[in-house]
Amino acid sequence: QVQLVESGGGLVQAGGSLRLSCAASGRTFSSYAMGWFRQAPGKEREFVAAISWSGGSTYYADSGKGRFTIPRDNAKNPVYLQMNSPKPEDTAVYYCNAGVVVTAHPGEYDYWGQGTQVTVSS
């Protein structure tokens, strides 16, 4: 069974830092683009960041530019989300995903994790 499992979520103070991890099982995702989306209560799921299979290209939503990075290490976990200086509006469930192309469109991703809750206190 192919699975993506997020971890590292929790409660963090605004201005702190948090690192989310996405572990894979059932197959390797080294040739897949990886991404992070999030969904806050009452809101639609939105794009956060994405990285190409090689790691050579990264894309960020305006909301996270300059604060979030999306490193990947195909030898360990396929992707991380480093959240620096989080804000209360970053509070959401964060999902990692894998797909053939790097895109901000959620429908283009083939695999999704179950999500991890991130809560940023002011």
PDB file of N, CA and C in Angstrom:
ATOM      1  N   GLN A   1       0.852  -1.200   0.000  1.00  0.00           N
ATOM      2  CA  GLN A   1       0.000   0.000   0.000  1.00  0.00           C
ATOM      3  C   GLN A   1       0.879   1.239   0.000  1.00  0.00           C
ATOM      4  N   VAL A   2       0.600   2.123  -0.933  1.00  0.00           N
ATOM      5  CA  VAL A   2       1.381   3.342  -1.045  1.00  0.00           C
ATOM      6  C   VAL A   2       0.835   4.367  -0.056  1.00  0.00           C
ATOM      7  N   GLN A   3       1.728   4.900   0.747  1.00  0.00           N
ATOM      8  CA  GLN A   3       1.303   5.876   1.740  1.00  0.00           C
ATOM      9  C   GLN A   3       2.290   7.017   1.858  1.00  0.00           C
ATOM     10  N   LEU A   4       1.736   8.178   2.121  1.00  0.00           N
ATOM     11  CA  LEU A   4       2.521   9.336   2.542  1.00  0.00           C
ATOM     12  C   LEU A   4       2.032   9.686   3.934  1.00  0.00           C
ATOM     13  N   VAL A   5       2.952   9.852   4.858  1.00  0.00           N
ATOM     14  CA  VAL A   5       2.590  10.128   6.240  1.00  0.00           C
ATOM     15  C   VAL A   5       3.331  11.368   6.719  1.00  0.00           C
ATOM     16  N   GLU A   6       2.549  12.371   7.088  1.00  0.00           N
ATOM     17  CA  GLU A   6       3.132  13.608   7.594  1.00  0.00           C
ATOM     18  C   GLU A   6       3.377  13.509   9.095  1.00  0.00           C
ATOM     19  N   SER A   7       4.371  14.236   9.548  1.00  0.00           N
ATOM     20  CA  SER A   7       4.642  14.333  10.987  1.00  0.00           C
ATOM     21  C   SER A   7       5.309  15.675  11.267  1.00  0.00           C
ATOM     22  N   GLY A   8       5.386  15.995  12.541  1.00  0.00           N
ATOM     23  CA  GLY A   8       6.064  17.225  12.946  1.00  0.00           C
ATOM     24  C   GLY A   8       5.138  18.374  13.263  1.00  0.00           C
ATOM     25  N   GLY A   9       3.842  18.176  13.059  1.00  0.00           N
ATOM     26  CA  GLY A   9       2.905  19.243  13.382  1.00  0.00           C
ATOM     27  C   GLY A   9       2.753  19.404  14.881  1.00  0.00           C
ATOM     28  N   GLY A  10       2.061  20.435  15.278  1.00  0.00           N
ATOM     29  CA  GLY A  10       1.843  20.694  16.688  1.00  0.00           C
ATOM     30  C   GLY A  10       1.584  22.153  16.934  1.00  0.00           C
ATOM     31  N   LEU A  11       1.794  22.547  18.174  1.00  0.00           N
ATOM     32  CA  LEU A  11       1.575  23.934  18.580  1.00  0.00           C
ATOM     33  C   LEU A  11       2.911  24.667  18.567  1.00  0.00           C
ATOM     34  N   VAL A  12       2.931  25.817  17.931  1.00  0.00           N
ATOM     35  CA  VAL A  12       4.147  26.626  17.863  1.00  0.00           C
ATOM     36  C   VAL A  12       3.768  28.084  18.070  1.00  0.00           C
ATOM     37  N   GLN A  13       4.651  28.815  18.677  1.00  0.00           N
ATOM     38  CA  GLN A  13       4.403  30.242  18.871  1.00  0.00           C
ATOM     39  C   GLN A  13       4.743  31.018  17.604  1.00  0.00           C
ATOM     40  N   ALA A  14       4.002  32.059  17.377  1.00  0.00           N
ATOM     41  CA  ALA A  14       4.303  32.936  16.252  1.00  0.00           C
ATOM     42  C   ALA A  14       5.750  33.417  16.364  1.00  0.00           C
ATOM     43  N   GLY A  15       6.452  33.399  15.238  1.00  0.00           N
ATOM     44  CA  GLY A  15       7.846  33.811  15.232  1.00  0.00           C
ATOM     45  C   GLY A  15       8.829  32.698  15.499  1.00  0.00           C
ATOM     46  N   GLY A  16       8.329  31.524  15.860  1.00  0.00           N
ATOM     47  CA  GLY A  16       9.199  30.389  16.113  1.00  0.00           C
ATOM     48  C   GLY A  16       9.545  29.666  14.828  1.00  0.00           C
ATOM     49  N   SER A  17       9.671  28.339  14.907  1.00  0.00           N
ATOM     50  CA  SER A  17       9.928  27.554  13.710  1.00  0.00           C
ATOM     51  C   SER A  17       9.389  26.150  13.912  1.00  0.00           C
ATOM     52  N   LEU A  18       9.102  25.507  12.805  1.00  0.00           N
ATOM     53  CA  LEU A  18       8.552  24.154  12.828  1.00  0.00           C
ATOM     54  C   LEU A  18       8.974  23.465  11.539  1.00  0.00           C
ATOM     55  N   ARG A  19       9.268  22.175  11.642  1.00  0.00           N
ATOM     56  CA  ARG A  19       9.677  21.409  10.462  1.00  0.00           C
ATOM     57  C   ARG A  19       8.749  20.221  10.303  1.00  0.00           C
ATOM     58  N   LEU A  20       8.038  20.203   9.218  1.00  0.00           N
ATOM     59  CA  LEU A  20       7.173  19.073   8.905  1.00  0.00           C
ATOM     60  C   LEU A  20       7.930  18.080   8.045  1.00  0.00           C
ATOM     61  N   SER A  21       7.660  16.811   8.268  1.00  0.00           N
ATOM     62  CA  SER A  21       8.274  15.750   7.476  1.00  0.00           C
ATOM     63  C   SER A  21       7.191  14.943   6.790  1.00  0.00           C
ATOM     64  N   CYS A  22       7.558  14.343   5.692  1.00  0.00           N
ATOM     65  CA  CYS A  22       6.633  13.490   4.948  1.00  0.00           C
ATOM     66  C   CYS A  22       7.358  12.197   4.633  1.00  0.00           C
ATOM     67  N   ALA A  23       6.937  11.117   5.255  1.00  0.00           N
ATOM     68  CA  ALA A  23       7.548   9.814   5.026  1.00  0.00           C
ATOM     69  C   ALA A  23       6.724   9.034   4.021  1.00  0.00           C
ATOM     70  N   ALA A  24       7.416   8.212   3.259  1.00  0.00           N
ATOM     71  CA  ALA A  24       6.751   7.424   2.220  1.00  0.00           C
ATOM     72  C   ALA A  24       6.920   5.943   2.485  1.00  0.00           C
ATOM     73  N   SER A  25       5.918   5.199   2.122  1.00  0.00           N
ATOM     74  CA  SER A  25       6.018   3.738   2.184  1.00  0.00           C
ATOM     75  C   SER A  25       5.279   3.153   0.993  1.00  0.00           C
ATOM     76  N   GLY A  26       5.689   1.975   0.604  1.00  0.00           N
ATOM     77  CA  GLY A  26       5.026   1.302  -0.493  1.00  0.00           C
ATOM     78  C   GLY A  26       5.651   1.550  -1.847  1.00  0.00           C
ATOM     79  N   ARG A  27       6.379   2.647  -1.967  1.00  0.00           N
ATOM     80  CA  ARG A  27       7.093   2.933  -3.202  1.00  0.00           C
ATOM     81  C   ARG A  27       8.045   4.080  -2.934  1.00  0.00           C
ATOM     82  N   THR A  28       8.940   4.295  -3.884  1.00  0.00           N
ATOM     83  CA  THR A  28       9.847   5.421  -3.776  1.00  0.00           C
ATOM     84  C   THR A  28       9.283   6.598  -4.556  1.00  0.00           C
ATOM     85  N   PHE A  29       9.502   7.789  -4.036  1.00  0.00           N
ATOM     86  CA  PHE A  29       8.995   8.989  -4.678  1.00  0.00           C
ATOM     87  C   PHE A  29      10.126   9.865  -5.201  1.00  0.00           C
ATOM     88  N   SER A  30      11.296   9.269  -5.365  1.00  0.00           N
ATOM     89  CA  SER A  30      12.448  10.053  -5.796  1.00  0.00           C
ATOM     90  C   SER A  30      12.266  10.650  -7.185  1.00  0.00           C
ATOM     91  N   SER A  31      11.400  10.089  -8.001  1.00  0.00           N
ATOM     92  CA  SER A  31      11.184  10.628  -9.346  1.00  0.00           C
ATOM     93  C   SER A  31       9.914  11.461  -9.437  1.00  0.00           C
ATOM     94  N   TYR A  32       9.290  11.735  -8.295  1.00  0.00           N
ATOM     95  CA  TYR A  32       8.055  12.500  -8.252  1.00  0.00           C
ATOM     96  C   TYR A  32       8.310  13.932  -7.773  1.00  0.00           C
ATOM     97  N   ALA A  33       7.539  14.843  -8.308  1.00  0.00           N
ATOM     98  CA  ALA A  33       7.448  16.160  -7.703  1.00  0.00           C
ATOM     99  C   ALA A  33       6.683  16.019  -6.392  1.00  0.00           C
ATOM    100  N   MET A  34       7.061  16.813  -5.423  1.00  0.00           N
ATOM    101  CA  MET A  34       6.409  16.760  -4.118  1.00  0.00           C
ATOM    102  C   MET A  34       5.872  18.134  -3.765  1.00  0.00           C
ATOM    103  N   GLY A  35       4.805  18.146  -3.006  1.00  0.00           N
ATOM    104  CA  GLY A  35       4.223  19.427  -2.642  1.00  0.00           C
ATOM    105  C   GLY A  35       3.604  19.397  -1.268  1.00  0.00           C
ATOM    106  N   TRP A  36       3.274  20.581  -0.787  1.00  0.00           N
ATOM    107  CA  TRP A  36       2.541  20.755   0.462  1.00  0.00           C
ATOM    108  C   TRP A  36       1.338  21.653   0.190  1.00  0.00           C
ATOM    109  N   PHE A  37       0.212  21.241   0.722  1.00  0.00           N
ATOM    110  CA  PHE A  37      -0.999  22.039   0.718  1.00  0.00           C
ATOM    111  C   PHE A  37      -1.453  22.176   2.160  1.00  0.00           C
ATOM    112  N   ARG A  38      -2.380  23.065   2.383  1.00  0.00           N
ATOM    113  CA  ARG A  38      -2.946  23.203   3.728  1.00  0.00           C
ATOM    114  C   ARG A  38      -4.423  23.556   3.625  1.00  0.00           C
ATOM    115  N   GLN A  39      -5.123  23.272   4.703  1.00  0.00           N
ATOM    116  CA  GLN A  39      -6.545  23.603   4.764  1.00  0.00           C
ATOM    117  C   GLN A  39      -6.887  24.057   6.168  1.00  0.00           C
ATOM    118  N   ALA A  40      -7.353  25.272   6.260  1.00  0.00           N
ATOM    119  CA  ALA A  40      -7.799  25.829   7.537  1.00  0.00           C
ATOM    120  C   ALA A  40      -9.304  25.596   7.676  1.00  0.00           C
ATOM    121  N   PRO A  41      -9.822  25.602   8.890  1.00  0.00           N
ATOM    122  CA  PRO A  41     -11.261  25.385   9.094  1.00  0.00           C
ATOM    123  C   PRO A  41     -12.092  26.382   8.302  1.00  0.00           C
ATOM    124  N   GLY A  42     -13.062  25.864   7.567  1.00  0.00           N
ATOM    125  CA  GLY A  42     -13.960  26.716   6.810  1.00  0.00           C
ATOM    126  C   GLY A  42     -13.381  27.269   5.526  1.00  0.00           C
ATOM    127  N   LYS A  43     -12.161  26.848   5.177  1.00  0.00           N
ATOM    128  CA  LYS A  43     -11.512  27.352   3.971  1.00  0.00           C
ATOM    129  C   LYS A  43     -11.178  26.210   3.026  1.00  0.00           C
ATOM    130  N   GLU A  44     -10.946  26.573   1.778  1.00  0.00           N
ATOM    131  CA  GLU A  44     -10.564  25.570   0.800  1.00  0.00           C
ATOM    132  C   GLU A  44      -9.090  25.196   0.969  1.00  0.00           C
ATOM    133  N   ARG A  45      -8.771  24.018   0.479  1.00  0.00           N
ATOM    134  CA  ARG A  45      -7.377  23.587   0.511  1.00  0.00           C
ATOM    135  C   ARG A  45      -6.562  24.505  -0.403  1.00  0.00           C
ATOM    136  N   GLU A  46      -5.407  24.941   0.063  1.00  0.00           N
ATOM    137  CA  GLU A  46      -4.598  25.865  -0.718  1.00  0.00           C
ATOM    138  C   GLU A  46      -3.164  25.394  -0.826  1.00  0.00           C
ATOM    139  N   PHE A  47      -2.553  25.787  -1.922  1.00  0.00           N
ATOM    140  CA  PHE A  47      -1.170  25.438  -2.205  1.00  0.00           C
ATOM    141  C   PHE A  47      -0.225  26.171  -1.259  1.00  0.00           C
ATOM    142  N   VAL A  48       0.812  25.466  -0.825  1.00  0.00           N
ATOM    143  CA  VAL A  48       1.824  26.075   0.041  1.00  0.00           C
ATOM    144  C   VAL A  48       3.175  26.117  -0.668  1.00  0.00           C
ATOM    145  N   ALA A  49       3.634  24.953  -1.143  1.00  0.00           N
ATOM    146  CA  ALA A  49       4.960  24.890  -1.769  1.00  0.00           C
ATOM    147  C   ALA A  49       5.079  23.594  -2.560  1.00  0.00           C
ATOM    148  N   ALA A  50       6.000  23.592  -3.514  1.00  0.00           N
ATOM    149  CA  ALA A  50       6.244  22.388  -4.300  1.00  0.00           C
ATOM    150  C   ALA A  50       7.699  22.362  -4.747  1.00  0.00           C
ATOM    151  N   ILE A  51       8.183  21.156  -5.015  1.00  0.00           N
ATOM    152  CA  ILE A  51       9.568  20.986  -5.439  1.00  0.00           C
ATOM    153  C   ILE A  51       9.633  19.916  -6.511  1.00  0.00           C
ATOM    154  N   SER A  52      10.480  20.116  -7.491  1.00  0.00           N
ATOM    155  CA  SER A  52      10.625  19.149  -8.564  1.00  0.00           C
ATOM    156  C   SER A  52      11.316  17.885  -8.064  1.00  0.00           C
ATOM    157  N   TRP A  53      11.301  16.838  -8.866  1.00  0.00           N
ATOM    158  CA  TRP A  53      11.878  15.567  -8.431  1.00  0.00           C
ATOM    159  C   TRP A  53      13.377  15.703  -8.160  1.00  0.00           C
ATOM    160  N   SER A  54      14.043  16.560  -8.913  1.00  0.00           N
ATOM    161  CA  SER A  54      15.484  16.735  -8.743  1.00  0.00           C
ATOM    162  C   SER A  54      15.825  17.711  -7.619  1.00  0.00           C
ATOM    163  N   GLY A  55      14.841  18.463  -7.190  1.00  0.00           N
ATOM    164  CA  GLY A  55      15.110  19.511  -6.206  1.00  0.00           C
ATOM    165  C   GLY A  55      15.594  20.796  -6.822  1.00  0.00           C
ATOM    166  N   GLY A  56      15.711  20.823  -8.135  1.00  0.00           N
ATOM    167  CA  GLY A  56      16.250  22.003  -8.795  1.00  0.00           C
ATOM    168  C   GLY A  56      15.271  23.152  -8.917  1.00  0.00           C
ATOM    169  N   SER A  57      14.001  22.875  -8.785  1.00  0.00           N
ATOM    170  CA  SER A  57      12.981  23.925  -8.910  1.00  0.00           C
ATOM    171  C   SER A  57      12.053  23.877  -7.714  1.00  0.00           C
ATOM    172  N   THR A  58      11.800  25.032  -7.154  1.00  0.00           N
ATOM    173  CA  THR A  58      10.863  25.141  -6.032  1.00  0.00           C
ATOM    174  C   THR A  58       9.878  26.263  -6.306  1.00  0.00           C
ATOM    175  N   TYR A  59       8.694  26.126  -5.765  1.00  0.00           N
ATOM    176  CA  TYR A  59       7.642  27.109  -5.956  1.00  0.00           C
ATOM    177  C   TYR A  59       6.941  27.324  -4.624  1.00  0.00           C
ATOM    178  N   TYR A  60       6.586  28.555  -4.369  1.00  0.00           N
ATOM    179  CA  TYR A  60       5.950  28.897  -3.106  1.00  0.00           C
ATOM    180  C   TYR A  60       4.746  29.792  -3.336  1.00  0.00           C
ATOM    181  N   ALA A  61       3.739  29.570  -2.521  1.00  0.00           N
ATOM    182  CA  ALA A  61       2.631  30.518  -2.490  1.00  0.00           C
ATOM    183  C   ALA A  61       3.135  31.821  -1.885  1.00  0.00           C
ATOM    184  N   ASP A  62       2.529  32.919  -2.281  1.00  0.00           N
ATOM    185  CA  ASP A  62       2.958  34.225  -1.769  1.00  0.00           C
ATOM    186  C   ASP A  62       2.904  34.267  -0.238  1.00  0.00           C
ATOM    187  N   SER A  63       1.975  33.537   0.333  1.00  0.00           N
ATOM    188  CA  SER A  63       1.799  33.573   1.782  1.00  0.00           C
ATOM    189  C   SER A  63       3.016  33.044   2.536  1.00  0.00           C
ATOM    190  N   GLY A  64       3.803  32.168   1.870  1.00  0.00           N
ATOM    191  CA  GLY A  64       4.932  31.564   2.558  1.00  0.00           C
ATOM    192  C   GLY A  64       6.290  31.984   2.059  1.00  0.00           C
ATOM    193  N   LYS A  65       6.332  32.783   1.004  1.00  0.00           N
ATOM    194  CA  LYS A  65       7.606  33.199   0.437  1.00  0.00           C
ATOM    195  C   LYS A  65       8.450  33.944   1.463  1.00  0.00           C
ATOM    196  N   GLY A  66       9.712  33.548   1.545  1.00  0.00           N
ATOM    197  CA  GLY A  66      10.619  34.163   2.498  1.00  0.00           C
ATOM    198  C   GLY A  66      10.547  33.572   3.884  1.00  0.00           C
ATOM    199  N   ARG A  67       9.544  32.756   4.149  1.00  0.00           N
ATOM    200  CA  ARG A  67       9.400  32.134   5.473  1.00  0.00           C
ATOM    201  C   ARG A  67       9.457  30.611   5.412  1.00  0.00           C
ATOM    202  N   PHE A  68       8.934  30.025   4.362  1.00  0.00           N
ATOM    203  CA  PHE A  68       8.888  28.561   4.236  1.00  0.00           C
ATOM    204  C   PHE A  68       9.898  28.102   3.200  1.00  0.00           C
ATOM    205  N   THR A  69      10.458  26.930   3.435  1.00  0.00           N
ATOM    206  CA  THR A  69      11.269  26.273   2.415  1.00  0.00           C
ATOM    207  C   THR A  69      10.826  24.816   2.329  1.00  0.00           C
ATOM    208  N   ILE A  70      11.098  24.201   1.178  1.00  0.00           N
ATOM    209  CA  ILE A  70      10.654  22.826   0.934  1.00  0.00           C
ATOM    210  C   ILE A  70      11.838  21.976   0.498  1.00  0.00           C
ATOM    211  N   PRO A  71      12.709  21.628   1.445  1.00  0.00           N
ATOM    212  CA  PRO A  71      13.841  20.784   1.080  1.00  0.00           C
ATOM    213  C   PRO A  71      13.400  19.333   0.878  1.00  0.00           C
ATOM    214  N   ARG A  72      14.157  18.624   0.118  1.00  0.00           N
ATOM    215  CA  ARG A  72      13.872  17.195  -0.030  1.00  0.00           C
ATOM    216  C   ARG A  72      15.172  16.405   0.094  1.00  0.00           C
ATOM    217  N   ASP A  73      15.039  15.190   0.569  1.00  0.00           N
ATOM    218  CA  ASP A  73      16.179  14.283   0.736  1.00  0.00           C
ATOM    219  C   ASP A  73      15.678  12.909   0.360  1.00  0.00           C
ATOM    220  N   ASN A  74      15.849  12.535  -0.881  1.00  0.00           N
ATOM    221  CA  ASN A  74      15.286  11.284  -1.375  1.00  0.00           C
ATOM    222  C   ASN A  74      15.844  10.057  -0.656  1.00  0.00           C
ATOM    223  N   ALA A  75      16.963  10.211   0.011  1.00  0.00           N
ATOM    224  CA  ALA A  75      17.542   9.073   0.726  1.00  0.00           C
ATOM    225  C   ALA A  75      16.830   8.815   2.051  1.00  0.00           C
ATOM    226  N   LYS A  76      16.145   9.846   2.562  1.00  0.00           N
ATOM    227  CA  LYS A  76      15.436   9.705   3.844  1.00  0.00           C
ATOM    228  C   LYS A  76      13.950   9.934   3.601  1.00  0.00           C
ATOM    229  N   ASN A  77      13.416  11.006   4.079  1.00  0.00           N
ATOM    230  CA  ASN A  77      12.031  11.351   3.780  1.00  0.00           C
ATOM    231  C   ASN A  77      11.996  12.117   2.458  1.00  0.00           C
ATOM    232  N   PRO A  78      10.986  11.919   1.671  1.00  0.00           N
ATOM    233  CA  PRO A  78      10.975  12.553   0.352  1.00  0.00           C
ATOM    234  C   PRO A  78      10.844  14.057   0.382  1.00  0.00           C
ATOM    235  N   VAL A  79      10.247  14.613   1.421  1.00  0.00           N
ATOM    236  CA  VAL A  79      10.084  16.058   1.436  1.00  0.00           C
ATOM    237  C   VAL A  79       9.844  16.558   2.856  1.00  0.00           C
ATOM    238  N   TYR A  80      10.248  17.790   3.085  1.00  0.00           N
ATOM    239  CA  TYR A  80      10.011  18.483   4.350  1.00  0.00           C
ATOM    240  C   TYR A  80       9.371  19.836   4.048  1.00  0.00           C
ATOM    241  N   LEU A  81       8.828  20.444   5.072  1.00  0.00           N
ATOM    242  CA  LEU A  81       8.403  21.830   4.994  1.00  0.00           C
ATOM    243  C   LEU A  81       8.978  22.538   6.213  1.00  0.00           C
ATOM    244  N   GLN A  82       9.932  23.408   5.977  1.00  0.00           N
ATOM    245  CA  GLN A  82      10.523  24.193   7.043  1.00  0.00           C
ATOM    246  C   GLN A  82       9.742  25.493   7.168  1.00  0.00           C
ATOM    247  N   MET A  83       9.115  25.665   8.307  1.00  0.00           N
ATOM    248  CA  MET A  83       8.278  26.845   8.543  1.00  0.00           C
ATOM    249  C   MET A  83       8.995  27.758   9.534  1.00  0.00           C
ATOM    250  N   ASN A  84       9.477  28.876   9.053  1.00  0.00           N
ATOM    251  CA  ASN A  84      10.122  29.869   9.903  1.00  0.00           C
ATOM    252  C   ASN A  84       9.186  31.060  10.094  1.00  0.00           C
ATOM    253  N   SER A  85       9.260  31.647  11.243  1.00  0.00           N
ATOM    254  CA  SER A  85       8.407  32.795  11.574  1.00  0.00           C
ATOM    255  C   SER A  85       6.948  32.537  11.227  1.00  0.00           C
ATOM    256  N   PRO A  86       6.393  31.436  11.695  1.00  0.00           N
ATOM    257  CA  PRO A  86       4.981  31.190  11.390  1.00  0.00           C
ATOM    258  C   PRO A  86       4.088  32.239  12.018  1.00  0.00           C
ATOM    259  N   LYS A  87       2.927  32.415  11.391  1.00  0.00           N
ATOM    260  CA  LYS A  87       1.939  33.386  11.847  1.00  0.00           C
ATOM    261  C   LYS A  87       0.663  32.640  12.224  1.00  0.00           C
ATOM    262  N   PRO A  88      -0.174  33.250  13.039  1.00  0.00           N
ATOM    263  CA  PRO A  88      -1.448  32.586  13.389  1.00  0.00           C
ATOM    264  C   PRO A  88      -2.260  32.190  12.157  1.00  0.00           C
ATOM    265  N   GLU A  89      -2.166  32.949  11.098  1.00  0.00           N
ATOM    266  CA  GLU A  89      -2.928  32.605   9.893  1.00  0.00           C
ATOM    267  C   GLU A  89      -2.368  31.392   9.154  1.00  0.00           C
ATOM    268  N   ASP A  90      -1.231  30.893   9.600  1.00  0.00           N
ATOM    269  CA  ASP A  90      -0.701  29.646   9.042  1.00  0.00           C
ATOM    270  C   ASP A  90      -1.333  28.412   9.695  1.00  0.00           C
ATOM    271  N   THR A  91      -2.152  28.620  10.688  1.00  0.00           N
ATOM    272  CA  THR A  91      -2.822  27.511  11.354  1.00  0.00           C
ATOM    273  C   THR A  91      -3.697  26.758  10.371  1.00  0.00           C
ATOM    274  N   ALA A  92      -3.451  25.456  10.258  1.00  0.00           N
ATOM    275  CA  ALA A  92      -4.174  24.634   9.282  1.00  0.00           C
ATOM    276  C   ALA A  92      -3.717  23.186   9.415  1.00  0.00           C
ATOM    277  N   VAL A  93      -4.405  22.311   8.708  1.00  0.00           N
ATOM    278  CA  VAL A  93      -3.917  20.947   8.509  1.00  0.00           C
ATOM    279  C   VAL A  93      -3.052  20.968   7.256  1.00  0.00           C
ATOM    280  N   TYR A  94      -1.841  20.450   7.375  1.00  0.00           N
ATOM    281  CA  TYR A  94      -0.883  20.454   6.267  1.00  0.00           C
ATOM    282  C   TYR A  94      -0.777  19.054   5.671  1.00  0.00           C
ATOM    283  N   TYR A  95      -0.856  19.010   4.345  1.00  0.00           N
ATOM    284  CA  TYR A  95      -0.829  17.742   3.616  1.00  0.00           C
ATOM    285  C   TYR A  95       0.371  17.716   2.672  1.00  0.00           C
ATOM    286  N   CYS A  96       1.069  16.595   2.637  1.00  0.00           N
ATOM    287  CA  CYS A  96       2.088  16.436   1.613  1.00  0.00           C
ATOM    288  C   CYS A  96       1.502  15.594   0.493  1.00  0.00           C
ATOM    289  N   ASN A  97       2.065  15.737  -0.673  1.00  0.00           N
ATOM    290  CA  ASN A  97       1.539  15.030  -1.829  1.00  0.00           C
ATOM    291  C   ASN A  97       2.636  14.806  -2.859  1.00  0.00           C
ATOM    292  N   ALA A  98       2.343  13.919  -3.795  1.00  0.00           N
ATOM    293  CA  ALA A  98       3.315  13.555  -4.820  1.00  0.00           C
ATOM    294  C   ALA A  98       2.611  13.470  -6.164  1.00  0.00           C
ATOM    295  N   GLY A  99       3.299  13.955  -7.188  1.00  0.00           N
ATOM    296  CA  GLY A  99       2.723  13.919  -8.515  1.00  0.00           C
ATOM    297  C   GLY A  99       3.794  13.935  -9.581  1.00  0.00           C
ATOM    298  N   VAL A 100       3.357  13.855 -10.811  1.00  0.00           N
ATOM    299  CA  VAL A 100       4.294  13.793 -11.922  1.00  0.00           C
ATOM    300  C   VAL A 100       4.867  15.169 -12.239  1.00  0.00           C
ATOM    301  N   VAL A 101       4.032  16.196 -12.104  1.00  0.00           N
ATOM    302  CA  VAL A 101       4.472  17.542 -12.454  1.00  0.00           C
ATOM    303  C   VAL A 101       4.441  18.444 -11.228  1.00  0.00           C
ATOM    304  N   VAL A 102       5.260  19.458 -11.268  1.00  0.00           N
ATOM    305  CA  VAL A 102       5.262  20.458 -10.210  1.00  0.00           C
ATOM    306  C   VAL A 102       4.158  21.463 -10.521  1.00  0.00           C
ATOM    307  N   THR A 103       3.217  21.591  -9.634  1.00  0.00           N
ATOM    308  CA  THR A 103       2.077  22.452  -9.892  1.00  0.00           C
ATOM    309  C   THR A 103       1.441  22.892  -8.582  1.00  0.00           C
ATOM    310  N   ALA A 104       0.708  23.981  -8.683  1.00  0.00           N
ATOM    311  CA  ALA A 104      -0.054  24.457  -7.523  1.00  0.00           C
ATOM    312  C   ALA A 104      -1.483  23.931  -7.540  1.00  0.00           C
ATOM    313  N   HIS A 105      -1.813  23.112  -8.529  1.00  0.00           N
ATOM    314  CA  HIS A 105      -3.169  22.600  -8.652  1.00  0.00           C
ATOM    315  C   HIS A 105      -3.291  21.268  -7.925  1.00  0.00           C
ATOM    316  N   PRO A 106      -4.126  21.179  -6.924  1.00  0.00           N
ATOM    317  CA  PRO A 106      -4.214  19.949  -6.137  1.00  0.00           C
ATOM    318  C   PRO A 106      -4.654  18.737  -6.962  1.00  0.00           C
ATOM    319  N   GLY A 107      -5.439  18.960  -7.989  1.00  0.00           N
ATOM    320  CA  GLY A 107      -5.926  17.840  -8.803  1.00  0.00           C
ATOM    321  C   GLY A 107      -4.852  17.121  -9.597  1.00  0.00           C
ATOM    322  N   GLU A 108      -3.685  17.734  -9.703  1.00  0.00           N
ATOM    323  CA  GLU A 108      -2.595  17.138 -10.472  1.00  0.00           C
ATOM    324  C   GLU A 108      -1.748  16.170  -9.648  1.00  0.00           C
ATOM    325  N   TYR A 109      -1.990  16.111  -8.365  1.00  0.00           N
ATOM    326  CA  TYR A 109      -1.193  15.241  -7.506  1.00  0.00           C
ATOM    327  C   TYR A 109      -1.885  13.891  -7.335  1.00  0.00           C
ATOM    328  N   ASP A 110      -1.083  12.835  -7.399  1.00  0.00           N
ATOM    329  CA  ASP A 110      -1.617  11.481  -7.391  1.00  0.00           C
ATOM    330  C   ASP A 110      -1.718  10.873  -5.995  1.00  0.00           C
ATOM    331  N   TYR A 111      -0.861  11.304  -5.102  1.00  0.00           N
ATOM    332  CA  TYR A 111      -0.813  10.707  -3.755  1.00  0.00           C
ATOM    333  C   TYR A 111      -0.894  11.817  -2.715  1.00  0.00           C
ATOM    334  N   TRP A 112      -1.626  11.527  -1.662  1.00  0.00           N
ATOM    335  CA  TRP A 112      -1.827  12.479  -0.582  1.00  0.00           C
ATOM    336  C   TRP A 112      -1.643  11.793   0.760  1.00  0.00           C
ATOM    337  N   GLY A 113      -1.093  12.535   1.702  1.00  0.00           N
ATOM    338  CA  GLY A 113      -1.063  12.055   3.068  1.00  0.00           C
ATOM    339  C   GLY A 113      -2.346  12.406   3.793  1.00  0.00           C
ATOM    340  N   GLN A 114      -2.423  12.014   5.056  1.00  0.00           N
ATOM    341  CA  GLN A 114      -3.625  12.249   5.865  1.00  0.00           C
ATOM    342  C   GLN A 114      -3.604  13.610   6.545  1.00  0.00           C
ATOM    343  N   GLY A 115      -2.460  14.246   6.557  1.00  0.00           N
ATOM    344  CA  GLY A 115      -2.378  15.589   7.110  1.00  0.00           C
ATOM    345  C   GLY A 115      -1.860  15.626   8.535  1.00  0.00           C
ATOM    346  N   THR A 116      -1.272  16.742   8.889  1.00  0.00           N
ATOM    347  CA  THR A 116      -0.825  16.980  10.249  1.00  0.00           C
ATOM    348  C   THR A 116      -1.230  18.385  10.656  1.00  0.00           C
ATOM    349  N   GLN A 117      -1.747  18.520  11.862  1.00  0.00           N
ATOM    350  CA  GLN A 117      -2.265  19.800  12.324  1.00  0.00           C
ATOM    351  C   GLN A 117      -1.129  20.703  12.777  1.00  0.00           C
ATOM    352  N   VAL A 118      -1.147  21.932  12.310  1.00  0.00           N
ATOM    353  CA  VAL A 118      -0.225  22.963  12.775  1.00  0.00           C
ATOM    354  C   VAL A 118      -1.057  24.094  13.363  1.00  0.00           C
ATOM    355  N   THR A 119      -0.764  24.441  14.593  1.00  0.00           N
ATOM    356  CA  THR A 119      -1.456  25.535  15.255  1.00  0.00           C
ATOM    357  C   THR A 119      -0.426  26.558  15.699  1.00  0.00           C
ATOM    358  N   VAL A 120      -0.604  27.787  15.253  1.00  0.00           N
ATOM    359  CA  VAL A 120       0.328  28.860  15.586  1.00  0.00           C
ATOM    360  C   VAL A 120      -0.368  29.805  16.553  1.00  0.00           C
ATOM    361  N   SER A 121       0.208  29.942  17.722  1.00  0.00           N
ATOM    362  CA  SER A 121      -0.371  30.826  18.736  1.00  0.00           C
ATOM    363  C   SER A 121       0.277  32.204  18.653  1.00  0.00           C
ATOM    364  N   SER A 122      -0.521  33.205  18.968  1.00  0.00           N
ATOM    365  CA  SER A 122      -0.020  34.592  18.897  1.00  0.00           C
ATOM    366  C   SER A 122       0.626  35.019  20.198  1.00  0.00           C
TER     367      SER A 122
END
